[in-house]
Amino acid sequence: VPELGFTADDRPHPRGELAVRTPQTIRRYFAASAADQASF
């Protein structure tokens, strides 16, 4: 998240926006806008 100054290279602890994939993760939102689909 460069505009907030957070990167995975930060030390001593990497920082950034969390992205996850689990066995239950949905593929997309039903009939959602392109902006909502950007969540994936």
Full PDB file with SEQRES, HELIX, SHEET, SSBOND, CRYST1, ORIGX, SCALE, CONECT and MASTER records, all heavy atoms in Angstrom:
SEQRES   1 A   40  VAL PRO GLU LEU GLY PHE THR ALA ASP ASP ARG PRO HIS          
SEQRES   2 A   40  PRO ARG GLY GLU LEU ALA VAL ARG THR PRO GLN THR ILE          
SEQRES   3 A   40  ARG ARG TYR PHE ALA ALA SER ALA ALA ASP GLN ALA SER          
SEQRES   4 A   40  PHE                                                          
HELIX    1 AA1 PRO A    2  LEU A    4  5                                   3    
HELIX    2 AA2 ALA A   34  GLN A   37  1                                   4    
CRYST1    1.000    1.000    1.000  90.00  90.00  90.00 P 1           1          
ORIGX1      1.000000  0.000000  0.000000        0.00000                         
ORIGX2      0.000000  1.000000  0.000000        0.00000                         
ORIGX3      0.000000  0.000000  1.000000        0.00000                         
SCALE1      1.000000  0.000000  0.000000        0.00000                         
SCALE2      0.000000  1.000000  0.000000        0.00000                         
SCALE3      0.000000  0.000000  1.000000        0.00000                         
ATOM      1  N   VAL A   1       0.882  -1.168   0.000  1.00  0.00           N  
ATOM      2  CA  VAL A   1       0.000   0.000   0.000  1.00  0.00           C  
ATOM      3  C   VAL A   1       0.918   1.216   0.000  1.00  0.00           C  
ATOM      4  O   VAL A   1       1.102   1.878   1.024  1.00  0.00           O  
ATOM      5  CB  VAL A   1      -0.941   0.006   1.227  1.00  0.00           C  
ATOM      6  CG1 VAL A   1      -1.970   1.118   1.106  1.00  0.00           C  
ATOM      7  CG2 VAL A   1      -1.620  -1.338   1.413  1.00  0.00           C  
ATOM      8  N   PRO A   2       1.530   1.520  -1.160  1.00  0.00           N  
ATOM      9  CA  PRO A   2       2.556   2.574  -1.200  1.00  0.00           C  
ATOM     10  C   PRO A   2       2.047   3.950  -0.792  1.00  0.00           C  
ATOM     11  O   PRO A   2       2.786   4.723  -0.184  1.00  0.00           O  
ATOM     12  CB  PRO A   2       3.037   2.554  -2.648  1.00  0.00           C  
ATOM     13  CG  PRO A   2       2.003   1.818  -3.414  1.00  0.00           C  
ATOM     14  CD  PRO A   2       1.300   0.917  -2.455  1.00  0.00           C  
ATOM     15  N   GLU A   3       0.773   4.251  -1.079  1.00  0.00           N  
ATOM     16  CA  GLU A   3       0.258   5.577  -0.715  1.00  0.00           C  
ATOM     17  C   GLU A   3       0.166   5.763   0.794  1.00  0.00           C  
ATOM     18  O   GLU A   3       0.119   6.888   1.285  1.00  0.00           O  
ATOM     19  CB  GLU A   3      -1.103   5.845  -1.377  1.00  0.00           C  
ATOM     20  CG  GLU A   3      -2.237   4.966  -0.905  1.00  0.00           C  
ATOM     21  CD  GLU A   3      -2.373   3.643  -1.643  1.00  0.00           C  
ATOM     22  OE1 GLU A   3      -1.427   3.227  -2.335  1.00  0.00           O  
ATOM     23  OE2 GLU A   3      -3.441   3.019  -1.513  1.00  0.00           O  
ATOM     24  N   LEU A   4       0.162   4.661   1.558  1.00  0.00           N  
ATOM     25  CA  LEU A   4       0.153   4.748   3.014  1.00  0.00           C  
ATOM     26  C   LEU A   4       1.524   4.429   3.617  1.00  0.00           C  
ATOM     27  O   LEU A   4       1.705   4.464   4.825  1.00  0.00           O  
ATOM     28  CB  LEU A   4      -0.894   3.797   3.608  1.00  0.00           C  
ATOM     29  CG  LEU A   4      -2.341   4.036   3.178  1.00  0.00           C  
ATOM     30  CD1 LEU A   4      -3.258   3.013   3.821  1.00  0.00           C  
ATOM     31  CD2 LEU A   4      -2.780   5.448   3.510  1.00  0.00           C  
ATOM     32  N   GLY A   5       2.480   4.071   2.747  1.00  0.00           N  
ATOM     33  CA  GLY A   5       3.824   3.781   3.215  1.00  0.00           C  
ATOM     34  C   GLY A   5       4.017   2.380   3.759  1.00  0.00           C  
ATOM     35  O   GLY A   5       4.957   2.123   4.506  1.00  0.00           O  
ATOM     36  N   PHE A   6       3.140   1.437   3.400  1.00  0.00           N  
ATOM     37  CA  PHE A   6       3.249   0.065   3.882  1.00  0.00           C  
ATOM     38  C   PHE A   6       3.703  -0.851   2.752  1.00  0.00           C  
ATOM     39  O   PHE A   6       3.116  -0.843   1.674  1.00  0.00           O  
ATOM     40  CB  PHE A   6       1.900  -0.446   4.402  1.00  0.00           C  
ATOM     41  CG  PHE A   6       1.340   0.345   5.550  1.00  0.00           C  
ATOM     42  CD1 PHE A   6       0.053   0.829   5.505  1.00  0.00           C  
ATOM     43  CD2 PHE A   6       2.097   0.608   6.679  1.00  0.00           C  
ATOM     44  CE1 PHE A   6      -0.485   1.544   6.556  1.00  0.00           C  
ATOM     45  CE2 PHE A   6       1.573   1.328   7.740  1.00  0.00           C  
ATOM     46  CZ  PHE A   6       0.280   1.796   7.679  1.00  0.00           C  
ATOM     47  N   THR A   7       4.728  -1.663   3.015  1.00  0.00           N  
ATOM     48  CA  THR A   7       5.178  -2.629   2.020  1.00  0.00           C  
ATOM     49  C   THR A   7       5.550  -3.941   2.702  1.00  0.00           C  
ATOM     50  O   THR A   7       5.837  -3.980   3.898  1.00  0.00           O  
ATOM     51  CB  THR A   7       6.422  -2.140   1.231  1.00  0.00           C  
ATOM     52  OG1 THR A   7       7.559  -2.185   2.079  1.00  0.00           O  
ATOM     53  CG2 THR A   7       6.221  -0.741   0.677  1.00  0.00           C  
ATOM     54  N   ALA A   8       5.563  -4.995   1.915  1.00  0.00           N  
ATOM     55  CA  ALA A   8       5.959  -6.307   2.415  1.00  0.00           C  
ATOM     56  C   ALA A   8       7.446  -6.340   2.744  1.00  0.00           C  
ATOM     57  O   ALA A   8       7.909  -7.271   3.402  1.00  0.00           O  
ATOM     58  CB  ALA A   8       5.610  -7.380   1.387  1.00  0.00           C  
ATOM     59  N   ASP A   9       8.191  -5.325   2.311  1.00  0.00           N  
ATOM     60  CA  ASP A   9       9.627  -5.245   2.613  1.00  0.00           C  
ATOM     61  C   ASP A   9       9.924  -4.450   3.883  1.00  0.00           C  
ATOM     62  O   ASP A   9      11.091  -4.307   4.253  1.00  0.00           O  
ATOM     63  CB  ASP A   9      10.380  -4.612   1.437  1.00  0.00           C  
ATOM     64  CG  ASP A   9      10.328  -5.479   0.193  1.00  0.00           C  
ATOM     65  OD1 ASP A   9      10.324  -6.723   0.326  1.00  0.00           O  
ATOM     66  OD2 ASP A   9      10.279  -4.915  -0.917  1.00  0.00           O  
ATOM     67  N   ASP A  10       8.904  -3.916   4.549  1.00  0.00           N  
ATOM     68  CA  ASP A  10       9.111  -3.146   5.776  1.00  0.00           C  
ATOM     69  C   ASP A  10       9.809  -4.003   6.825  1.00  0.00           C  
ATOM     70  O   ASP A  10       9.565  -5.206   6.924  1.00  0.00           O  
ATOM     71  CB  ASP A  10       7.779  -2.647   6.349  1.00  0.00           C  
ATOM     72  CG  ASP A  10       7.158  -1.537   5.530  1.00  0.00           C  
ATOM     73  OD1 ASP A  10       7.851  -0.987   4.660  1.00  0.00           O  
ATOM     74  OD2 ASP A  10       5.967  -1.229   5.754  1.00  0.00           O  
ATOM     75  N   ARG A  11      10.669  -3.381   7.609  1.00  0.00           N  
ATOM     76  CA  ARG A  11      11.378  -4.055   8.693  1.00  0.00           C  
ATOM     77  C   ARG A  11      11.185  -3.267   9.971  1.00  0.00           C  
ATOM     78  O   ARG A  11      11.115  -2.050   9.914  1.00  0.00           O  
ATOM     79  CB  ARG A  11      12.872  -4.179   8.358  1.00  0.00           C  
ATOM     80  CG  ARG A  11      13.152  -5.054   7.151  1.00  0.00           C  
ATOM     81  CD  ARG A  11      12.773  -6.508   7.420  1.00  0.00           C  
ATOM     82  NE  ARG A  11      12.900  -7.318   6.222  1.00  0.00           N  
ATOM     83  CZ  ARG A  11      11.870  -7.835   5.552  1.00  0.00           C  
ATOM     84  NH1 ARG A  11      10.642  -7.614   5.936  1.00  0.00           N  
ATOM     85  NH2 ARG A  11      12.057  -8.581   4.502  1.00  0.00           N  
ATOM     86  N   PRO A  12      11.055  -3.869  11.123  1.00  0.00           N  
ATOM     87  CA  PRO A  12      11.276  -5.282  11.382  1.00  0.00           C  
ATOM     88  C   PRO A  12      10.092  -6.167  11.016  1.00  0.00           C  
ATOM     89  O   PRO A  12      10.231  -7.389  10.974  1.00  0.00           O  
ATOM     90  CB  PRO A  12      11.517  -5.337  12.889  1.00  0.00           C  
ATOM     91  CG  PRO A  12      10.695  -4.212  13.436  1.00  0.00           C  
ATOM     92  CD  PRO A  12      10.760  -3.141  12.367  1.00  0.00           C  
ATOM     93  N   HIS A  13       8.922  -5.584  10.755  1.00  0.00           N  
ATOM     94  CA  HIS A  13       7.745  -6.393  10.433  1.00  0.00           C  
ATOM     95  C   HIS A  13       7.163  -5.967   9.086  1.00  0.00           C  
ATOM     96  O   HIS A  13       6.836  -4.791   8.906  1.00  0.00           O  
ATOM     97  CB  HIS A  13       6.672  -6.235  11.510  1.00  0.00           C  
ATOM     98  CG  HIS A  13       7.137  -6.595  12.880  1.00  0.00           C  
ATOM     99  ND1 HIS A  13       7.502  -7.872  13.230  1.00  0.00           N  
ATOM    100  CD2 HIS A  13       7.322  -5.840  13.976  1.00  0.00           C  
ATOM    101  CE1 HIS A  13       7.878  -7.888  14.489  1.00  0.00           C  
ATOM    102  NE2 HIS A  13       7.788  -6.663  14.971  1.00  0.00           N  
ATOM    103  N   PRO A  14       7.008  -6.911   8.159  1.00  0.00           N  
ATOM    104  CA  PRO A  14       6.352  -6.589   6.885  1.00  0.00           C  
ATOM    105  C   PRO A  14       4.927  -6.093   7.143  1.00  0.00           C  
ATOM    106  O   PRO A  14       4.243  -6.591   8.046  1.00  0.00           O  
ATOM    107  CB  PRO A  14       6.337  -7.931   6.145  1.00  0.00           C  
ATOM    108  CG  PRO A  14       7.383  -8.758   6.799  1.00  0.00           C  
ATOM    109  CD  PRO A  14       7.437  -8.301   8.226  1.00  0.00           C  
ATOM    110  N   ARG A  15       4.497  -5.095   6.365  1.00  0.00           N  
ATOM    111  CA  ARG A  15       3.152  -4.534   6.529  1.00  0.00           C  
ATOM    112  C   ARG A  15       2.501  -4.399   5.169  1.00  0.00           C  
ATOM    113  O   ARG A  15       3.173  -4.179   4.165  1.00  0.00           O  
ATOM    114  CB  ARG A  15       3.224  -3.158   7.200  1.00  0.00           C  
ATOM    115  CG  ARG A  15       3.871  -3.181   8.557  1.00  0.00           C  
ATOM    116  CD  ARG A  15       3.968  -1.825   9.185  1.00  0.00           C  
ATOM    117  NE  ARG A  15       4.776  -0.921   8.357  1.00  0.00           N  
ATOM    118  CZ  ARG A  15       4.895   0.381   8.567  1.00  0.00           C  
ATOM    119  NH1 ARG A  15       4.273   0.941   9.575  1.00  0.00           N  
ATOM    120  NH2 ARG A  15       5.633   1.117   7.783  1.00  0.00           N  
ATOM    121  N   GLY A  16       1.189  -4.503   5.141  1.00  0.00           N  
ATOM    122  CA  GLY A  16       0.457  -4.333   3.890  1.00  0.00           C  
ATOM    123  C   GLY A  16      -0.984  -4.767   4.056  1.00  0.00           C  
ATOM    124  O   GLY A  16      -1.412  -5.183   5.140  1.00  0.00           O  
ATOM    125  N   GLU A  17      -1.725  -4.666   2.960  1.00  0.00           N  
ATOM    126  CA  GLU A  17      -3.132  -5.068   2.972  1.00  0.00           C  
ATOM    127  C   GLU A  17      -3.203  -6.589   2.857  1.00  0.00           C  
ATOM    128  O   GLU A  17      -2.568  -7.198   2.004  1.00  0.00           O  
ATOM    129  CB  GLU A  17      -3.881  -4.410   1.818  1.00  0.00           C  
ATOM    130  CG  GLU A  17      -5.360  -4.653   1.849  1.00  0.00           C  
ATOM    131  CD  GLU A  17      -6.097  -3.831   0.802  1.00  0.00           C  
ATOM    132  OE1 GLU A  17      -5.451  -3.215  -0.061  1.00  0.00           O  
ATOM    133  OE2 GLU A  17      -7.330  -3.830   0.852  1.00  0.00           O  
ATOM    134  N   LEU A  18      -3.990  -7.200   3.718  1.00  0.00           N  
ATOM    135  CA  LEU A  18      -4.081  -8.655   3.769  1.00  0.00           C  
ATOM    136  C   LEU A  18      -4.976  -9.190   2.651  1.00  0.00           C  
ATOM    137  O   LEU A  18      -6.119  -8.749   2.493  1.00  0.00           O  
ATOM    138  CB  LEU A  18      -4.635  -9.094   5.124  1.00  0.00           C  
ATOM    139  CG  LEU A  18      -4.732 -10.591   5.372  1.00  0.00           C  
ATOM    140  CD1 LEU A  18      -3.336 -11.228   5.366  1.00  0.00           C  
ATOM    141  CD2 LEU A  18      -5.441 -10.861   6.681  1.00  0.00           C  
ATOM    142  N   ALA A  19      -4.437 -10.132   1.895  1.00  0.00           N  
ATOM    143  CA  ALA A  19      -5.210 -10.863   0.879  1.00  0.00           C  
ATOM    144  C   ALA A  19      -5.160 -12.329   1.277  1.00  0.00           C  
ATOM    145  O   ALA A  19      -4.098 -12.858   1.605  1.00  0.00           O  
ATOM    146  CB  ALA A  19      -4.605 -10.656  -0.505  1.00  0.00           C  
ATOM    147  N   VAL A  20      -6.323 -12.991   1.267  1.00  0.00           N  
ATOM    148  CA  VAL A  20      -6.400 -14.377   1.721  1.00  0.00           C  
ATOM    149  C   VAL A  20      -7.182 -15.241   0.742  1.00  0.00           C  
ATOM    150  O   VAL A  20      -8.036 -14.755  -0.007  1.00  0.00           O  
ATOM    151  CB  VAL A  20      -7.053 -14.487   3.119  1.00  0.00           C  
ATOM    152  CG1 VAL A  20      -6.228 -13.771   4.168  1.00  0.00           C  
ATOM    153  CG2 VAL A  20      -8.464 -13.979   3.115  1.00  0.00           C  
ATOM    154  N   ARG A  21      -6.872 -16.532   0.803  1.00  0.00           N  
ATOM    155  CA  ARG A  21      -7.639 -17.531   0.044  1.00  0.00           C  
ATOM    156  C   ARG A  21      -7.790 -18.733   0.971  1.00  0.00           C  
ATOM    157  O   ARG A  21      -6.798 -19.270   1.468  1.00  0.00           O  
ATOM    158  CB  ARG A  21      -6.892 -17.910  -1.227  1.00  0.00           C  
ATOM    159  CG  ARG A  21      -7.622 -18.890  -2.111  1.00  0.00           C  
ATOM    160  CD  ARG A  21      -6.915 -19.099  -3.415  1.00  0.00           C  
ATOM    161  NE  ARG A  21      -5.522 -19.506  -3.177  1.00  0.00           N  
ATOM    162  CZ  ARG A  21      -4.576 -19.459  -4.104  1.00  0.00           C  
ATOM    163  NH1 ARG A  21      -4.845 -19.017  -5.318  1.00  0.00           N  
ATOM    164  NH2 ARG A  21      -3.350 -19.844  -3.831  1.00  0.00           N  
ATOM    165  N   THR A  22      -9.032 -19.096   1.227  1.00  0.00           N  
ATOM    166  CA  THR A  22      -9.343 -20.231   2.097  1.00  0.00           C  
ATOM    167  C   THR A  22     -10.130 -21.254   1.290  1.00  0.00           C  
ATOM    168  O   THR A  22     -10.587 -20.954   0.178  1.00  0.00           O  
ATOM    169  CB  THR A  22     -10.199 -19.784   3.305  1.00  0.00           C  
ATOM    170  OG1 THR A  22     -11.521 -19.491   2.848  1.00  0.00           O  
ATOM    171  CG2 THR A  22      -9.612 -18.580   4.015  1.00  0.00           C  
ATOM    172  N   PRO A  23     -10.332 -22.445   1.848  1.00  0.00           N  
ATOM    173  CA  PRO A  23     -11.164 -23.419   1.144  1.00  0.00           C  
ATOM    174  C   PRO A  23     -12.604 -22.929   0.939  1.00  0.00           C  
ATOM    175  O   PRO A  23     -13.301 -23.404   0.043  1.00  0.00           O  
ATOM    176  CB  PRO A  23     -11.139 -24.649   2.061  1.00  0.00           C  
ATOM    177  CG  PRO A  23      -9.862 -24.521   2.829  1.00  0.00           C  
ATOM    178  CD  PRO A  23      -9.667 -23.041   3.019  1.00  0.00           C  
ATOM    179  N   GLN A  24     -13.052 -21.957   1.728  1.00  0.00           N  
ATOM    180  CA  GLN A  24     -14.418 -21.438   1.622  1.00  0.00           C  
ATOM    181  C   GLN A  24     -14.538 -20.134   0.829  1.00  0.00           C  
ATOM    182  O   GLN A  24     -15.634 -19.593   0.700  1.00  0.00           O  
ATOM    183  CB  GLN A  24     -15.005 -21.189   3.027  1.00  0.00           C  
ATOM    184  CG  GLN A  24     -15.172 -22.426   3.871  1.00  0.00           C  
ATOM    185  CD  GLN A  24     -13.878 -22.873   4.507  1.00  0.00           C  
ATOM    186  OE1 GLN A  24     -12.997 -22.083   4.827  1.00  0.00           O  
ATOM    187  NE2 GLN A  24     -13.738 -24.172   4.691  1.00  0.00           N  
ATOM    188  N   THR A  25     -13.447 -19.598   0.314  1.00  0.00           N  
ATOM    189  CA  THR A  25     -13.484 -18.304  -0.370  1.00  0.00           C  
ATOM    190  C   THR A  25     -14.395 -18.363  -1.595  1.00  0.00           C  
ATOM    191  O   THR A  25     -14.273 -19.262  -2.423  1.00  0.00           O  
ATOM    192  CB  THR A  25     -12.074 -17.864  -0.813  1.00  0.00           C  
ATOM    193  OG1 THR A  25     -11.237 -17.759   0.337  1.00  0.00           O  
ATOM    194  CG2 THR A  25     -12.114 -16.519  -1.526  1.00  0.00           C  
ATOM    195  N   ILE A  26     -15.303 -17.396  -1.679  1.00  0.00           N  
ATOM    196  CA  ILE A  26     -16.165 -17.325  -2.855  1.00  0.00           C  
ATOM    197  C   ILE A  26     -15.346 -16.828  -4.040  1.00  0.00           C  
ATOM    198  O   ILE A  26     -14.302 -16.203  -3.874  1.00  0.00           O  
ATOM    199  CB  ILE A  26     -17.388 -16.414  -2.606  1.00  0.00           C  
ATOM    200  CG1 ILE A  26     -16.962 -14.966  -2.358  1.00  0.00           C  
ATOM    201  CG2 ILE A  26     -18.223 -16.945  -1.457  1.00  0.00           C  
ATOM    202  CD1 ILE A  26     -18.115 -13.985  -2.277  1.00  0.00           C  
ATOM    203  N   ARG A  27     -15.785 -17.095  -5.235  1.00  0.00           N  
ATOM    204  CA  ARG A  27     -15.038 -16.685  -6.435  1.00  0.00           C  
ATOM    205  C   ARG A  27     -15.286 -15.240  -6.811  1.00  0.00           C  
ATOM    206  O   ARG A  27     -14.407 -14.560  -7.322  1.00  0.00           O  
ATOM    207  CB  ARG A  27     -15.409 -17.570  -7.614  1.00  0.00           C  
ATOM    208  CG  ARG A  27     -14.943 -18.978  -7.426  1.00  0.00           C  
ATOM    209  CD  ARG A  27     -15.256 -19.797  -8.628  1.00  0.00           C  
ATOM    210  NE  ARG A  27     -14.979 -21.188  -8.319  1.00  0.00           N  
ATOM    211  CZ  ARG A  27     -14.849 -22.100  -9.224  1.00  0.00           C  
ATOM    212  NH1 ARG A  27     -14.977 -21.805 -10.492  1.00  0.00           N  
ATOM    213  NH2 ARG A  27     -14.606 -23.332  -8.869  1.00  0.00           N  
ATOM    214  N   ARG A  28     -16.514 -14.773  -6.581  1.00  0.00           N  
ATOM    215  CA  ARG A  28     -16.866 -13.405  -6.920  1.00  0.00           C  
ATOM    216  C   ARG A  28     -18.225 -13.109  -6.312  1.00  0.00           C  
ATOM    217  O   ARG A  28     -18.900 -13.998  -5.827  1.00  0.00           O  
ATOM    218  CB  ARG A  28     -16.891 -13.181  -8.431  1.00  0.00           C  
ATOM    219  CG  ARG A  28     -17.894 -14.052  -9.153  1.00  0.00           C  
ATOM    220  CD  ARG A  28     -17.826 -13.853 -10.670  1.00  0.00           C  
ATOM    221  NE  ARG A  28     -18.632 -14.825 -11.352  1.00  0.00           N  
ATOM    222  CZ  ARG A  28     -19.936 -14.729 -11.570  1.00  0.00           C  
ATOM    223  NH1 ARG A  28     -20.607 -13.687 -11.146  1.00  0.00           N  
ATOM    224  NH2 ARG A  28     -20.590 -15.683 -12.207  1.00  0.00           N  
ATOM    225  N   TYR A  29     -18.619 -11.852  -6.369  1.00  0.00           N  
ATOM    226  CA  TYR A  29     -19.951 -11.467  -5.928  1.00  0.00           C  
ATOM    227  C   TYR A  29     -20.926 -11.673  -7.078  1.00  0.00           C  
ATOM    228  O   TYR A  29     -20.598 -11.433  -8.240  1.00  0.00           O  
ATOM    229  CB  TYR A  29     -19.984  -9.993  -5.514  1.00  0.00           C  
ATOM    230  CG  TYR A  29     -19.162  -9.669  -4.297  1.00  0.00           C  
ATOM    231  CD1 TYR A  29     -18.103  -8.777  -4.379  1.00  0.00           C  
ATOM    232  CD2 TYR A  29     -19.447 -10.236  -3.071  1.00  0.00           C  
ATOM    233  CE1 TYR A  29     -17.355  -8.452  -3.267  1.00  0.00           C  
ATOM    234  CE2 TYR A  29     -18.697  -9.923  -1.947  1.00  0.00           C  
ATOM    235  CZ  TYR A  29     -17.664  -9.023  -2.052  1.00  0.00           C  
ATOM    236  OH  TYR A  29     -16.924  -8.714  -0.948  1.00  0.00           O  
ATOM    237  N   PHE A  30     -22.135 -12.074  -6.760  1.00  0.00           N  
ATOM    238  CA  PHE A  30     -23.166 -12.254  -7.776  1.00  0.00           C  
ATOM    239  C   PHE A  30     -23.674 -10.892  -8.242  1.00  0.00           C  
ATOM    240  O   PHE A  30     -24.040 -10.054  -7.432  1.00  0.00           O  
ATOM    241  CB  PHE A  30     -24.326 -13.084  -7.214  1.00  0.00           C  
ATOM    242  CG  PHE A  30     -25.455 -13.261  -8.183  1.00  0.00           C  
ATOM    243  CD1 PHE A  30     -25.321 -14.119  -9.256  1.00  0.00           C  
ATOM    244  CD2 PHE A  30     -26.639 -12.554  -8.035  1.00  0.00           C  
ATOM    245  CE1 PHE A  30     -26.350 -14.285 -10.167  1.00  0.00           C  
ATOM    246  CE2 PHE A  30     -27.668 -12.707  -8.934  1.00  0.00           C  
ATOM    247  CZ  PHE A  30     -27.517 -13.574 -10.010  1.00  0.00           C  
ATOM    248  N   ALA A  31     -23.659 -10.660  -9.539  1.00  0.00           N  
ATOM    249  CA  ALA A  31     -24.199  -9.441 -10.156  1.00  0.00           C  
ATOM    250  C   ALA A  31     -23.646  -8.164  -9.526  1.00  0.00           C  
ATOM    251  O   ALA A  31     -24.381  -7.202  -9.322  1.00  0.00           O  
ATOM    252  CB  ALA A  31     -25.730  -9.449 -10.102  1.00  0.00           C  
ATOM    253  N   ALA A  32     -22.380  -8.158  -9.218  1.00  0.00           N  
ATOM    254  CA  ALA A  32     -21.768  -6.994  -8.569  1.00  0.00           C  
ATOM    255  C   ALA A  32     -21.094  -6.089  -9.595  1.00  0.00           C  
ATOM    256  O   ALA A  32     -20.791  -6.496 -10.712  1.00  0.00           O  
ATOM    257  CB  ALA A  32     -20.745  -7.453  -7.542  1.00  0.00           C  
ATOM    258  N   SER A  33     -20.840  -4.855  -9.180  1.00  0.00           N  
ATOM    259  CA  SER A  33     -20.166  -3.888 -10.034  1.00  0.00           C  
ATOM    260  C   SER A  33     -18.686  -4.256 -10.176  1.00  0.00           C  
ATOM    261  O   SER A  33     -18.144  -5.047  -9.415  1.00  0.00           O  
ATOM    262  CB  SER A  33     -20.277  -2.491  -9.427  1.00  0.00           C  
ATOM    263  OG  SER A  33     -19.501  -2.428  -8.242  1.00  0.00           O  
ATOM    264  N   ALA A  34     -18.051  -3.657 -11.151  1.00  0.00           N  
ATOM    265  CA  ALA A  34     -16.622  -3.891 -11.367  1.00  0.00           C  
ATOM    266  C   ALA A  34     -15.818  -3.464 -10.142  1.00  0.00           C  
ATOM    267  O   ALA A  34     -14.820  -4.099  -9.789  1.00  0.00           O  
ATOM    268  CB  ALA A  34     -16.151  -3.140 -12.603  1.00  0.00           C  
ATOM    269  N   ALA A  35     -16.240  -2.404  -9.471  1.00  0.00           N  
ATOM    270  CA  ALA A  35     -15.536  -1.940  -8.274  1.00  0.00           C  
ATOM    271  C   ALA A  35     -15.589  -3.000  -7.175  1.00  0.00           C  
ATOM    272  O   ALA A  35     -14.598  -3.247  -6.488  1.00  0.00           O  
ATOM    273  CB  ALA A  35     -16.132  -0.630  -7.777  1.00  0.00           C  
ATOM    274  N   ASP A  36     -16.754  -3.639  -7.010  1.00  0.00           N  
ATOM    275  CA  ASP A  36     -16.867  -4.700  -6.009  1.00  0.00           C  
ATOM    276  C   ASP A  36     -16.030  -5.916  -6.392  1.00  0.00           C  
ATOM    277  O   ASP A  36     -15.428  -6.561  -5.543  1.00  0.00           O  
ATOM    278  CB  ASP A  36     -18.321  -5.119  -5.817  1.00  0.00           C  
ATOM    279  CG  ASP A  36     -19.139  -4.078  -5.087  1.00  0.00           C  
ATOM    280  OD1 ASP A  36     -18.544  -3.280  -4.327  1.00  0.00           O  
ATOM    281  OD2 ASP A  36     -20.363  -4.045  -5.274  1.00  0.00           O  
ATOM    282  N   GLN A  37     -15.985  -6.231  -7.681  1.00  0.00           N  
ATOM    283  CA  GLN A  37     -15.199  -7.379  -8.135  1.00  0.00           C  
ATOM    284  C   GLN A  37     -13.704  -7.149  -7.924  1.00  0.00           C  
ATOM    285  O   GLN A  37     -12.935  -8.101  -7.868  1.00  0.00           O  
ATOM    286  CB  GLN A  37     -15.487  -7.700  -9.610  1.00  0.00           C  
ATOM    287  CG  GLN A  37     -16.910  -8.112  -9.884  1.00  0.00           C  
ATOM    288  CD  GLN A  37     -17.390  -9.355  -9.116  1.00  0.00           C  
ATOM    289  OE1 GLN A  37     -16.663  -9.998  -8.389  1.00  0.00           O  
ATOM    290  NE2 GLN A  37     -18.658  -9.661  -9.275  1.00  0.00           N  
ATOM    291  N   ALA A  38     -13.287  -5.894  -7.776  1.00  0.00           N  
ATOM    292  CA  ALA A  38     -11.877  -5.584  -7.516  1.00  0.00           C  
ATOM    293  C   ALA A  38     -11.430  -6.100  -6.147  1.00  0.00           C  
ATOM    294  O   ALA A  38     -10.240  -6.085  -5.836  1.00  0.00           O  
ATOM    295  CB  ALA A  38     -11.636  -4.084  -7.624  1.00  0.00           C  
ATOM    296  N   SER A  39     -12.373  -6.577  -5.340  1.00  0.00           N  
ATOM    297  CA  SER A  39     -12.029  -7.169  -4.054  1.00  0.00           C  
ATOM    298  C   SER A  39     -11.365  -8.532  -4.211  1.00  0.00           C  
ATOM    299  O   SER A  39     -10.920  -9.121  -3.233  1.00  0.00           O  
ATOM    300  CB  SER A  39     -13.286  -7.331  -3.187  1.00  0.00           C  
ATOM    301  OG  SER A  39     -13.841  -6.077  -2.883  1.00  0.00           O  
ATOM    302  N   PHE A  40     -11.326  -9.040  -5.431  1.00  0.00           N  
ATOM    303  CA  PHE A  40     -10.746 -10.351  -5.695  1.00  0.00           C  
ATOM    304  C   PHE A  40      -9.595 -10.213  -6.686  1.00  0.00           C  
ATOM    305  O   PHE A  40      -9.691  -9.488  -7.663  1.00  0.00           O  
ATOM    306  CB  PHE A  40     -11.805 -11.299  -6.274  1.00  0.00           C  
ATOM    307  CG  PHE A  40     -12.951 -11.537  -5.340  1.00  0.00           C  
ATOM    308  CD1 PHE A  40     -14.077 -10.727  -5.377  1.00  0.00           C  
ATOM    309  CD2 PHE A  40     -12.902 -12.551  -4.399  1.00  0.00           C  
ATOM    310  CE1 PHE A  40     -15.136 -10.933  -4.512  1.00  0.00           C  
ATOM    311  CE2 PHE A  40     -13.959 -12.764  -3.522  1.00  0.00           C  
ATOM    312  CZ  PHE A  40     -15.077 -11.952  -3.579  1.00  0.00           C  
TER     313      PHE A  40                                                      
MASTER        0    0    0    2    0    0    0    6  312    1    0    4          
END                                                                             
